[in-house]
Protein backbone atom coordinates (compact mmCIF):
# COMPACT_ATOMS: atom_id res chain seq x y z
CA MET A 1 -64.90 -77.90 91.66
CA THR A 2 -64.80 -81.41 92.91
CA LEU A 3 -62.51 -82.48 90.36
CA PHE A 4 -60.21 -79.49 90.67
CA HIS A 5 -59.94 -80.01 94.49
CA PHE A 6 -59.31 -83.54 93.79
CA GLY A 7 -56.38 -82.65 91.18
CA ASN A 8 -55.14 -80.20 93.90
CA CYS A 9 -54.94 -83.09 96.76
CA PHE A 10 -53.62 -85.85 94.17
CA ALA A 11 -50.61 -83.53 93.01
CA LEU A 12 -49.92 -82.50 96.37
CA ALA A 13 -49.66 -86.01 97.72
CA TYR A 14 -47.78 -87.79 94.54
CA PHE A 15 -45.83 -85.08 93.03
CA PRO A 16 -43.08 -84.88 95.81
CA PHE A 17 -42.66 -88.85 95.35
CA LEU A 18 -41.95 -88.30 91.72
CA ILE A 19 -39.58 -85.53 92.29
CA ALA A 20 -37.82 -87.45 95.06
CA TYR A 21 -37.73 -90.60 92.56
CA LYS A 22 -35.85 -88.63 89.66
CA GLY A 23 -33.73 -86.42 91.98
CA SER A 24 -32.29 -88.99 93.84
CA GLY A 25 -31.20 -90.74 90.76
CA LEU A 26 -33.36 -93.83 91.33
CA SER A 27 -34.60 -93.50 87.83
CA GLU A 28 -30.89 -93.70 86.43
CA TYR A 29 -30.60 -97.14 88.29
CA ASN A 30 -33.80 -98.33 86.84
CA ALA A 31 -35.16 -98.94 90.41
CA PHE A 32 -38.81 -98.86 89.77
CA TRP A 33 -39.55 -102.89 90.49
CA ARG A 34 -37.28 -102.48 93.37
CA CYS A 35 -39.53 -99.89 94.89
CA VAL A 36 -42.41 -102.15 93.96
CA GLN A 37 -41.22 -104.91 95.84
CA ALA A 38 -40.35 -102.75 98.90
CA GLY A 39 -44.03 -101.70 98.82
CA ALA A 40 -44.76 -105.39 98.95
CA SER A 41 -42.68 -105.80 101.74
CA TYR A 42 -44.50 -103.33 103.41
CA LEU A 43 -47.90 -104.76 102.96
CA PHE A 44 -46.68 -108.11 104.33
CA VAL A 45 -45.12 -106.38 107.47
CA GLN A 46 -48.31 -104.33 107.93
CA LEU A 47 -50.45 -107.66 107.58
CA CYS A 48 -48.01 -109.32 110.10
CA LYS A 49 -48.61 -106.41 112.62
CA MET A 50 -52.16 -106.45 112.26
CA LEU A 51 -52.51 -110.23 113.15
CA PHE A 52 -50.19 -109.84 115.93
CA LEU A 53 -52.30 -106.81 117.50
CA ALA A 54 -55.38 -108.23 116.76
CA THR A 55 -54.30 -111.60 118.74
CA PHE A 56 -52.70 -109.76 121.70
CA PHE A 57 -54.36 -106.28 121.77
CA PRO A 58 -58.13 -106.61 121.90
CA THR A 59 -60.35 -103.45 121.29
CA TRP A 60 -59.77 -100.63 124.08
CA GLU A 61 -63.34 -100.64 125.95
CA GLY A 62 -62.75 -97.78 128.45
CA GLY A 63 -65.03 -94.86 128.68
CA ALA A 64 -65.85 -92.52 125.96
CA GLY A 65 -63.21 -90.07 125.46
CA ALA A 66 -60.71 -92.29 127.36
CA TYR A 67 -57.13 -92.75 126.16
CA ASP A 68 -55.56 -96.17 127.05
CA PHE A 69 -51.78 -94.86 127.17
CA LEU A 70 -50.45 -98.13 128.39
CA GLY A 71 -52.07 -100.04 125.52
CA GLU A 72 -51.17 -97.33 122.91
CA PHE A 73 -47.50 -97.58 123.95
CA MET A 74 -47.24 -101.47 123.72
CA LYS A 75 -48.83 -101.39 120.56
CA ALA A 76 -46.60 -98.90 119.07
CA THR A 77 -43.98 -101.19 120.19
CA VAL A 78 -45.01 -103.20 117.59
CA ASP A 79 -43.79 -100.80 115.08
CA VAL A 80 -40.31 -101.97 115.86
CA ALA A 81 -41.28 -104.65 113.08
CA ASP A 82 -40.93 -101.96 110.52
CA LEU A 83 -37.46 -101.17 111.48
CA VAL A 84 -36.83 -104.99 110.86
CA GLY A 85 -38.61 -105.15 107.54
CA LEU A 86 -36.72 -102.02 105.97
CA HIS A 87 -33.45 -103.90 107.20
CA LEU A 88 -34.53 -106.96 105.20
CA VAL A 89 -35.59 -104.94 102.38
CA MET A 90 -32.03 -103.29 102.15
CA GLY A 91 -30.28 -106.27 102.61
CA ARG A 92 -31.93 -107.95 99.51
CA ASN A 93 -30.68 -104.80 97.31
CA ALA A 94 -27.24 -104.50 96.08
CA GLY A 95 -25.63 -101.14 95.65
CA LYS A 96 -24.33 -98.23 97.52
CA GLY A 97 -25.80 -97.27 100.77
CA GLU A 98 -27.62 -94.22 99.57
CA LEU A 99 -29.58 -96.34 96.86
CA LYS A 100 -30.48 -98.92 99.50
CA VAL A 101 -31.94 -96.39 101.53
CA MET A 102 -34.07 -94.61 98.94
CA VAL A 103 -35.41 -97.88 97.26
CA ALA A 104 -36.85 -98.93 100.89
CA ALA A 105 -37.86 -95.39 101.88
CA MET A 106 -39.57 -94.95 98.43
CA GLY A 107 -41.52 -98.16 98.42
CA TRP A 108 -42.57 -98.09 101.98
CA ALA A 109 -43.60 -94.43 101.83
CA THR A 110 -45.46 -94.98 98.72
CA ALA A 111 -47.30 -98.01 99.57
CA GLU A 112 -48.17 -96.40 102.91
CA LEU A 113 -49.54 -93.56 100.54
CA VAL A 114 -51.70 -95.97 98.52
CA THR A 115 -53.05 -97.87 101.41
CA ALA A 116 -53.75 -95.33 104.06
CA ARG A 117 -54.42 -92.01 102.08
CA CYS A 118 -55.14 -92.79 98.43
CA ILE A 119 -58.30 -94.58 98.83
CA PRO A 120 -59.98 -92.20 101.26
CA LEU A 121 -59.02 -89.60 98.87
CA TRP A 122 -60.36 -91.19 95.87
CA VAL A 123 -63.84 -91.89 97.86
CA GLY A 124 -63.92 -88.57 99.87
CA ALA A 125 -63.34 -86.29 96.50
CA ARG A 126 -66.44 -87.60 94.72
CA GLY A 127 -68.89 -86.58 97.29
CA ILE A 128 -67.26 -82.97 98.66
CA GLU A 129 -66.81 -79.51 97.05
CA PHE A 130 -64.00 -78.72 99.33
CA ASP A 131 -62.61 -80.09 102.61
CA TRP A 132 -58.97 -79.20 104.32
CA LYS A 133 -58.75 -82.84 105.57
CA TYR A 134 -57.98 -84.01 102.07
CA ILE A 135 -55.15 -81.33 102.10
CA GLN A 136 -53.94 -82.52 105.23
CA MET A 137 -53.45 -86.17 103.78
CA GLY A 138 -51.47 -84.81 100.89
CA ILE A 139 -49.05 -83.02 103.61
CA GLU A 140 -48.92 -86.20 105.74
CA SER A 141 -47.86 -88.16 102.64
CA ASN A 142 -44.94 -85.67 102.44
CA ILE A 143 -44.23 -85.90 106.12
CA SER A 144 -44.23 -89.71 105.50
CA LEU A 145 -41.91 -89.81 102.77
CA VAL A 146 -39.40 -87.83 104.61
CA HIS A 147 -39.95 -90.00 107.81
CA TYR A 148 -39.00 -93.38 105.98
CA ILE A 149 -35.96 -91.67 104.39
CA ALA A 150 -34.47 -90.94 107.77
CA VAL A 151 -35.66 -94.21 109.25
CA SER A 152 -34.10 -96.01 106.43
CA ALA A 153 -30.64 -94.19 106.83
CA LEU A 154 -30.91 -94.85 110.52
CA VAL A 155 -31.33 -98.60 110.14
CA TRP A 156 -28.81 -98.91 107.47
CA MET A 157 -26.38 -97.11 109.86
CA PHE A 158 -27.16 -99.07 112.59
CA SER A 159 -26.61 -102.35 110.41
CA ARG A 160 -23.07 -101.37 109.39
CA TYR A 161 -20.60 -103.72 110.67
CA ASP A 162 -17.87 -100.88 110.97
CA LEU A 163 -20.11 -98.61 112.59
CA PRO A 164 -18.02 -96.62 115.37
CA ARG A 165 -19.03 -97.39 119.04
CA HIS A 166 -20.12 -93.65 119.76
CA PHE A 167 -22.85 -93.75 117.10
CA ARG A 168 -24.91 -96.38 118.82
CA LEU A 169 -26.42 -94.11 121.25
CA PRO A 170 -27.57 -91.62 119.26
CA LEU A 171 -28.71 -93.95 116.56
CA THR A 172 -30.73 -95.93 119.25
CA LEU A 173 -32.36 -92.85 120.59
CA LEU A 174 -33.25 -91.84 117.07
CA LEU A 175 -34.88 -95.31 116.38
CA GLY A 176 -36.68 -94.98 119.58
CA LEU A 177 -38.21 -91.86 118.46
CA SER A 178 -39.31 -93.18 114.75
CA VAL A 179 -40.90 -95.99 116.61
CA TYR A 180 -42.81 -94.17 119.30
CA LYS A 181 -43.38 -90.76 117.18
CA GLY A 182 -46.95 -91.74 116.44
CA PHE A 183 -47.64 -92.51 120.13
CA VAL A 184 -46.14 -89.32 121.22
CA LEU A 185 -48.37 -87.38 118.75
CA GLU A 186 -51.71 -88.91 119.63
CA SER A 187 -50.85 -88.62 123.29
CA SER A 188 -50.06 -84.83 122.99
CA VAL A 189 -53.59 -84.60 120.95
CA HIS A 190 -55.45 -86.17 123.60
CA LEU A 191 -53.63 -84.52 126.52
CA PHE A 192 -53.58 -81.06 125.11
CA VAL A 193 -56.68 -81.36 123.05
CA LEU A 194 -54.65 -80.20 119.88
CA GLY A 195 -56.83 -79.49 116.46
CA SER A 196 -55.78 -81.14 113.47
CA TRP A 197 -53.53 -78.43 111.84
CA THR A 198 -51.88 -78.28 115.37
CA ALA A 199 -51.23 -81.74 115.20
CA LEU A 200 -50.09 -81.97 111.69
CA LEU A 201 -47.37 -78.90 112.68
CA VAL A 202 -46.13 -81.27 115.76
CA ARG A 203 -45.95 -84.20 113.19
CA ALA A 204 -43.69 -82.10 110.99
CA VAL A 205 -41.51 -81.00 113.72
CA LEU A 206 -40.80 -84.22 115.01
CA THR A 207 -40.10 -85.53 111.57
CA GLY A 208 -37.76 -82.58 110.81
CA VAL A 209 -35.73 -83.33 113.99
CA LEU A 210 -35.63 -87.00 113.32
CA ALA A 211 -34.62 -86.00 109.59
CA LEU A 212 -32.03 -83.41 110.58
CA SER A 213 -30.48 -85.60 113.07
CA SER A 214 -30.49 -88.72 110.62
CA LEU A 215 -28.89 -86.51 108.04
CA SER A 216 -26.11 -85.20 110.42
CA LEU A 217 -24.95 -88.77 111.41
CA PHE A 218 -25.20 -89.96 107.81
CA VAL A 219 -22.94 -87.12 106.70
CA THR A 220 -20.68 -87.68 109.47
CA LEU A 221 -20.47 -91.21 108.98
CA VAL A 222 -20.20 -91.61 105.12
CA HIS A 223 -17.67 -88.93 104.75
CA GLY A 224 -15.74 -89.37 107.95
CA ASN A 225 -14.42 -92.96 106.43
């Protein structure tokens, strides 16, 4: 039963990535190693963020159950480095905008999946019969994939030299939402005492709003020129 449960969680986590890779046409461009390089850039950016946080933001030592809203907000601001990293990754890749967006997003999301969810899944599945949290990890990986595709598209649009002036404000707002989405979610969990499934639903809704807004701007910009 444990092996069957692990197989289900593994398929839920990884198959959408495979479908996205095949369906987006990345396989036709032999972009596998580009995605690997993007994943390596993700690891480097996360290492820099960890060093920065460890240096300037010490561990919160408040009372039990307390939540440091200001500290967490400042820590979330460091996620701007992800936007810079995605911009640099897309700048190193030649090709159409759609290809750059998908390469950066696939590499970034896959690296996050391997480091943040694959290892706990391997370790946890060996000692349990069934646990919903591993199903949640698989769903979260799919949400992260959508999130990084949307964020990569926003970064690509924002960095265009021919970007119309009236696109600046909505793109800035959406990029701000992408940076502070985790902070908003964590704050909601503590303020409203949300359960794990409710928190997952909120994460999916926020990501859906970000993705649909990004898609609308992307289609308008690309097909409007």
